[in-house]
Amino acid sequence: MSDYVFERHCRTPHSEAYLIREGEQEIGRVDLHYGQNVVYAALVVFDDRDQEAISELIERIDEDLVLTADVVREDFVVTVFAGRQVGIFSDDSFDEEEEDTLGEQRNGH
């Protein structure tokens, strides 16, 4: 089994989000949402992984994160996406863009 490390980014009463590392490389992200009897996951992998590697990763997520949570689950439903991170956006980044745009307009650009 691969050496996956899960770094929690955020937590709410009913969800958690983790960055997934394999060694030093960021390989994906998983968002877990805890329902009454079902745990839902959105898994994004940043590289091409075959079905076996994805199944192994899901198994590790289940063992290391889901089964250790204080939630009784009857099912674990995972939706897997392959993609890349484009950026991280927040209100602060939008406020900065707005200020830049206003400054350009005032300067006639």
Protein backbone atom coordinates (compact mmCIF):
# COMPACT_ATOMS: atom_id res chain seq x y z
CA MET A 1 0.00 0.00 0.00
CA SER A 2 1.13 3.52 -0.75
CA ASP A 3 2.21 5.90 1.97
CA TYR A 4 -0.66 8.41 1.97
CA VAL A 5 -0.80 11.36 4.36
CA PHE A 6 -4.05 13.22 4.97
CA GLU A 7 -3.78 16.88 6.04
CA ARG A 8 -7.08 18.27 7.29
CA HIS A 9 -7.91 21.71 5.89
CA CYS A 10 -11.27 22.28 7.49
CA ARG A 11 -13.92 20.68 9.63
CA THR A 12 -17.58 21.40 10.31
CA PRO A 13 -20.05 19.45 12.46
CA HIS A 14 -20.94 17.31 9.41
CA SER A 15 -17.97 17.47 7.03
CA GLU A 16 -14.20 17.50 6.68
CA ALA A 17 -11.78 18.33 3.85
CA TYR A 18 -8.30 16.86 3.45
CA LEU A 19 -5.33 17.41 1.17
CA ILE A 20 -3.83 14.05 0.20
CA ARG A 21 -0.07 13.61 -0.10
CA GLU A 22 1.95 10.67 -1.29
CA GLY A 23 5.44 11.32 -0.01
CA GLU A 24 6.15 14.98 -0.76
CA GLN A 25 3.74 15.17 -3.70
CA GLU A 26 0.18 16.51 -3.45
CA ILE A 27 -1.95 13.94 -5.25
CA GLY A 28 -5.50 14.99 -4.44
CA ARG A 29 -8.19 16.19 -2.10
CA VAL A 30 -11.14 14.52 -0.43
CA ASP A 31 -14.22 16.18 1.03
CA LEU A 32 -16.22 14.00 3.43
CA HIS A 33 -19.85 14.68 4.27
CA TYR A 34 -21.42 12.76 7.14
CA GLY A 35 -25.11 11.94 6.76
CA GLN A 36 -27.29 9.95 9.16
CA ASN A 37 -26.12 6.50 8.05
CA VAL A 38 -24.12 7.26 4.93
CA VAL A 39 -20.80 9.02 4.42
CA TYR A 40 -20.42 10.76 1.06
CA ALA A 41 -17.04 11.66 -0.39
CA ALA A 42 -15.89 13.79 -3.30
CA LEU A 43 -12.40 12.62 -4.21
CA VAL A 44 -10.30 14.62 -6.67
CA VAL A 45 -7.05 13.09 -7.88
CA PHE A 46 -4.54 15.41 -9.56
CA ASP A 47 -2.86 12.78 -11.75
CA ASP A 48 -3.77 9.77 -13.86
CA ARG A 49 -4.41 6.81 -11.59
CA ASP A 50 -5.72 3.45 -12.65
CA GLN A 51 -8.75 1.79 -11.07
CA GLU A 52 -6.59 -0.28 -8.72
CA ALA A 53 -4.76 2.78 -7.37
CA ILE A 54 -8.03 4.66 -6.88
CA SER A 55 -9.57 1.68 -5.08
CA GLU A 56 -6.53 1.52 -2.80
CA LEU A 57 -6.82 5.23 -2.04
CA ILE A 58 -10.55 4.91 -1.26
CA GLU A 59 -9.78 2.00 1.06
CA ARG A 60 -7.21 4.10 2.93
CA ILE A 61 -9.64 7.03 3.20
CA ASP A 62 -12.22 4.66 4.64
CA GLU A 63 -9.81 3.07 7.12
CA ASP A 64 -7.90 6.19 8.20
CA LEU A 65 -10.61 8.86 8.12
CA VAL A 66 -14.17 7.52 7.91
CA LEU A 67 -13.98 4.53 10.25
CA THR A 68 -12.10 6.55 12.88
CA ALA A 69 -14.79 9.27 12.96
CA ASP A 70 -17.51 9.06 15.61
CA VAL A 71 -20.12 8.22 12.99
CA VAL A 72 -21.96 4.95 12.53
CA ARG A 73 -22.15 4.30 8.81
CA GLU A 74 -23.99 1.78 6.74
CA ASP A 75 -22.53 2.90 3.42
CA PHE A 76 -19.62 4.93 2.04
CA VAL A 77 -20.35 6.55 -1.34
CA VAL A 78 -17.40 8.06 -3.21
CA THR A 79 -17.53 10.17 -6.37
CA VAL A 80 -14.11 10.39 -8.00
CA PHE A 81 -12.94 13.24 -10.23
CA ALA A 82 -9.65 13.55 -12.11
CA GLY A 83 -8.45 17.12 -12.43
CA ARG A 84 -6.02 19.77 -11.37
CA GLN A 85 -6.15 22.62 -8.93
CA VAL A 86 -6.67 25.95 -10.66
CA GLY A 87 -6.46 28.11 -7.55
CA ILE A 88 -7.90 28.91 -4.17
CA PHE A 89 -10.35 31.78 -4.06
CA SER A 90 -11.85 33.61 -1.10
CA ASP A 91 -13.58 36.91 -0.38
CA ASP A 92 -10.13 38.47 0.12
CA SER A 93 -8.97 37.50 -3.37
CA PHE A 94 -12.16 38.92 -4.91
CA ASP A 95 -11.79 42.14 -2.90
CA GLU A 96 -8.22 42.55 -4.20
CA GLU A 97 -9.38 42.02 -7.80
CA GLU A 98 -12.12 44.61 -7.30
CA GLU A 99 -9.62 47.15 -5.93
CA ASP A 100 -7.28 46.51 -8.88
CA THR A 101 -10.13 46.98 -11.36
CA LEU A 102 -11.31 50.19 -9.68
CA GLY A 103 -7.74 51.54 -9.66
CA GLU A 104 -7.37 50.83 -13.37
CA GLN A 105 -10.67 52.56 -14.11
CA ARG A 106 -9.66 55.66 -12.13
CA ASN A 107 -6.34 55.76 -14.01
CA GLY A 108 -8.07 55.53 -17.40
CA HIS A 109 -6.99 52.01 -18.28
